Amino acid sequence: MTLNEIYFEYDRSNVTREGAFELDKLVQAMGKYPEMVIMVKSHTDSRGTDAYNMSLSERRAKSTVQYILSKGIKADRISGKGYGESEPKAPCTECTEGQHAQNRRSEFIIVKGAPQP
């Protein structure tokens, strides 16, 4: 099963329309597999201080989890954590806007209850 990551606008933590579309697919999968438990890992690009980026990534994790909870998934099935800029998807020093955009994301890890192939 592939869980697609969602992306955020620069300096924002709200779930975008495109992100909501992906999260709705995750909610459907969680409904189909009631034993599934998910962890949300949220990230930022490298602009801003480390402390600010950690705070922003925590807000992104919280808004992602809150969206899932608002769709009826129980709180014991989803958790989230911010990682700031510590795990870039597109490592770079002189980043392009596209690379920054790839790094502003929430990704999903199946902790328990992965569907069997």
Protein backbone atom coordinates (compact mmCIF):
# COMPACT_ATOMS: atom_id res chain seq x y z
CA MET A 1 0.00 0.00 0.00
CA THR A 2 1.34 3.41 -0.93
CA LEU A 3 0.49 6.40 1.22
CA ASN A 4 1.29 9.57 -0.69
CA GLU A 5 2.76 12.48 1.22
CA ILE A 6 1.04 15.85 1.28
CA TYR A 7 2.71 19.20 0.70
CA PHE A 8 2.38 22.60 2.33
CA GLU A 9 2.68 26.14 1.09
CA TYR A 10 5.65 28.19 2.26
CA ASP A 11 5.39 29.18 5.95
CA ARG A 12 1.94 27.58 6.28
CA SER A 13 0.62 24.66 8.27
CA ASN A 14 -2.93 24.39 6.94
CA VAL A 15 -3.90 21.39 4.81
CA THR A 16 -4.31 22.39 1.16
CA ARG A 17 -7.11 21.21 -1.13
CA GLU A 18 -4.66 18.80 -2.79
CA GLY A 19 -3.52 17.59 0.62
CA ALA A 20 -7.13 17.00 1.70
CA PHE A 21 -7.65 14.83 -1.38
CA GLU A 22 -4.70 12.60 -0.36
CA LEU A 23 -5.79 12.55 3.30
CA ASP A 24 -9.28 11.47 2.27
CA LYS A 25 -7.69 8.45 0.56
CA LEU A 26 -5.80 7.69 3.79
CA VAL A 27 -9.06 7.93 5.78
CA GLN A 28 -10.67 5.45 3.36
CA ALA A 29 -7.77 3.01 3.82
CA MET A 30 -7.95 3.36 7.58
CA GLY A 31 -11.69 2.67 7.40
CA LYS A 32 -11.05 -0.46 5.34
CA TYR A 33 -8.30 -1.64 7.72
CA PRO A 34 -9.53 -0.81 11.25
CA GLU A 35 -6.37 -2.23 12.84
CA MET A 36 -4.14 0.20 10.92
CA VAL A 37 -2.20 2.74 13.00
CA ILE A 38 -0.43 5.64 11.28
CA MET A 39 2.36 8.00 12.31
CA VAL A 40 2.61 11.39 10.59
CA LYS A 41 6.10 12.82 10.08
CA SER A 42 6.00 16.50 9.12
CA HIS A 43 8.85 18.53 7.68
CA THR A 44 9.87 22.01 6.55
CA ASP A 45 12.23 23.45 3.99
CA SER A 46 15.56 24.88 5.15
CA ARG A 47 14.48 28.52 5.27
CA GLY A 48 14.00 29.92 8.77
CA THR A 49 15.76 29.11 12.02
CA ASP A 50 15.97 25.57 13.34
CA ALA A 51 13.67 26.47 16.24
CA TYR A 52 11.07 28.11 13.98
CA ASN A 53 11.14 25.18 11.56
CA MET A 54 10.67 22.69 14.39
CA SER A 55 7.65 24.65 15.59
CA LEU A 56 6.24 24.92 12.06
CA SER A 57 6.68 21.19 11.44
CA GLU A 58 4.89 20.44 14.73
CA ARG A 59 1.98 22.63 13.57
CA ARG A 60 1.94 20.78 10.25
CA ALA A 61 1.83 17.43 12.05
CA LYS A 62 -0.97 18.69 14.28
CA SER A 63 -3.08 20.00 11.38
CA THR A 64 -2.57 16.75 9.44
CA VAL A 65 -3.60 14.63 12.42
CA GLN A 66 -6.53 16.95 13.18
CA TYR A 67 -7.83 16.58 9.63
CA ILE A 68 -7.79 12.77 9.96
CA LEU A 69 -9.52 12.96 13.36
CA SER A 70 -12.19 15.27 11.91
CA LYS A 71 -13.10 12.46 9.49
CA GLY A 72 -13.94 10.08 12.34
CA ILE A 73 -10.66 8.21 12.85
CA LYS A 74 -10.02 7.57 16.54
CA ALA A 75 -7.10 9.37 18.19
CA ASP A 76 -5.39 6.14 19.26
CA ARG A 77 -4.89 5.24 15.57
CA ILE A 78 -2.86 8.28 14.51
CA SER A 79 -0.01 10.30 15.95
CA GLY A 80 2.21 13.00 14.57
CA LYS A 81 5.61 14.56 15.10
CA GLY A 82 7.51 17.44 13.55
CA TYR A 83 11.06 17.00 12.29
CA GLY A 84 11.80 20.53 11.16
CA GLU A 85 14.34 20.58 8.36
CA SER A 86 16.28 17.55 9.66
CA GLU A 87 15.08 15.02 7.03
CA PRO A 88 14.91 16.76 3.66
CA LYS A 89 13.42 14.86 0.74
CA ALA A 90 15.52 17.00 -1.63
CA PRO A 91 18.83 17.67 0.17
CA CYS A 92 20.35 20.91 -1.11
CA THR A 93 22.35 23.92 0.00
CA GLU A 94 21.38 26.36 -2.77
CA CYS A 95 17.84 25.05 -3.05
CA THR A 96 15.52 25.79 -5.94
CA GLU A 97 11.91 26.67 -5.18
CA GLY A 98 10.97 23.18 -6.39
CA GLN A 99 13.37 21.55 -3.92
CA HIS A 100 12.03 23.71 -1.09
CA ALA A 101 8.48 22.67 -2.06
CA GLN A 102 9.41 18.95 -1.95
CA ASN A 103 10.73 19.37 1.58
CA ARG A 104 7.53 21.00 2.94
CA ARG A 105 5.56 17.83 3.55
CA SER A 106 3.84 15.37 5.83
CA GLU A 107 4.56 11.72 5.19
CA PHE A 108 2.87 8.66 6.61
CA ILE A 109 4.31 5.57 8.25
CA ILE A 110 2.17 2.50 8.88
CA VAL A 111 3.02 1.59 12.47
CA LYS A 112 0.65 -1.36 12.79
CA GLY A 113 -1.88 -3.26 10.74
CA ALA A 114 -0.40 -3.01 7.25
CA PRO A 115 -2.61 -4.70 4.66
CA GLN A 116 -1.24 -7.99 3.42
CA PRO A 117 -0.39 -8.26 -0.29
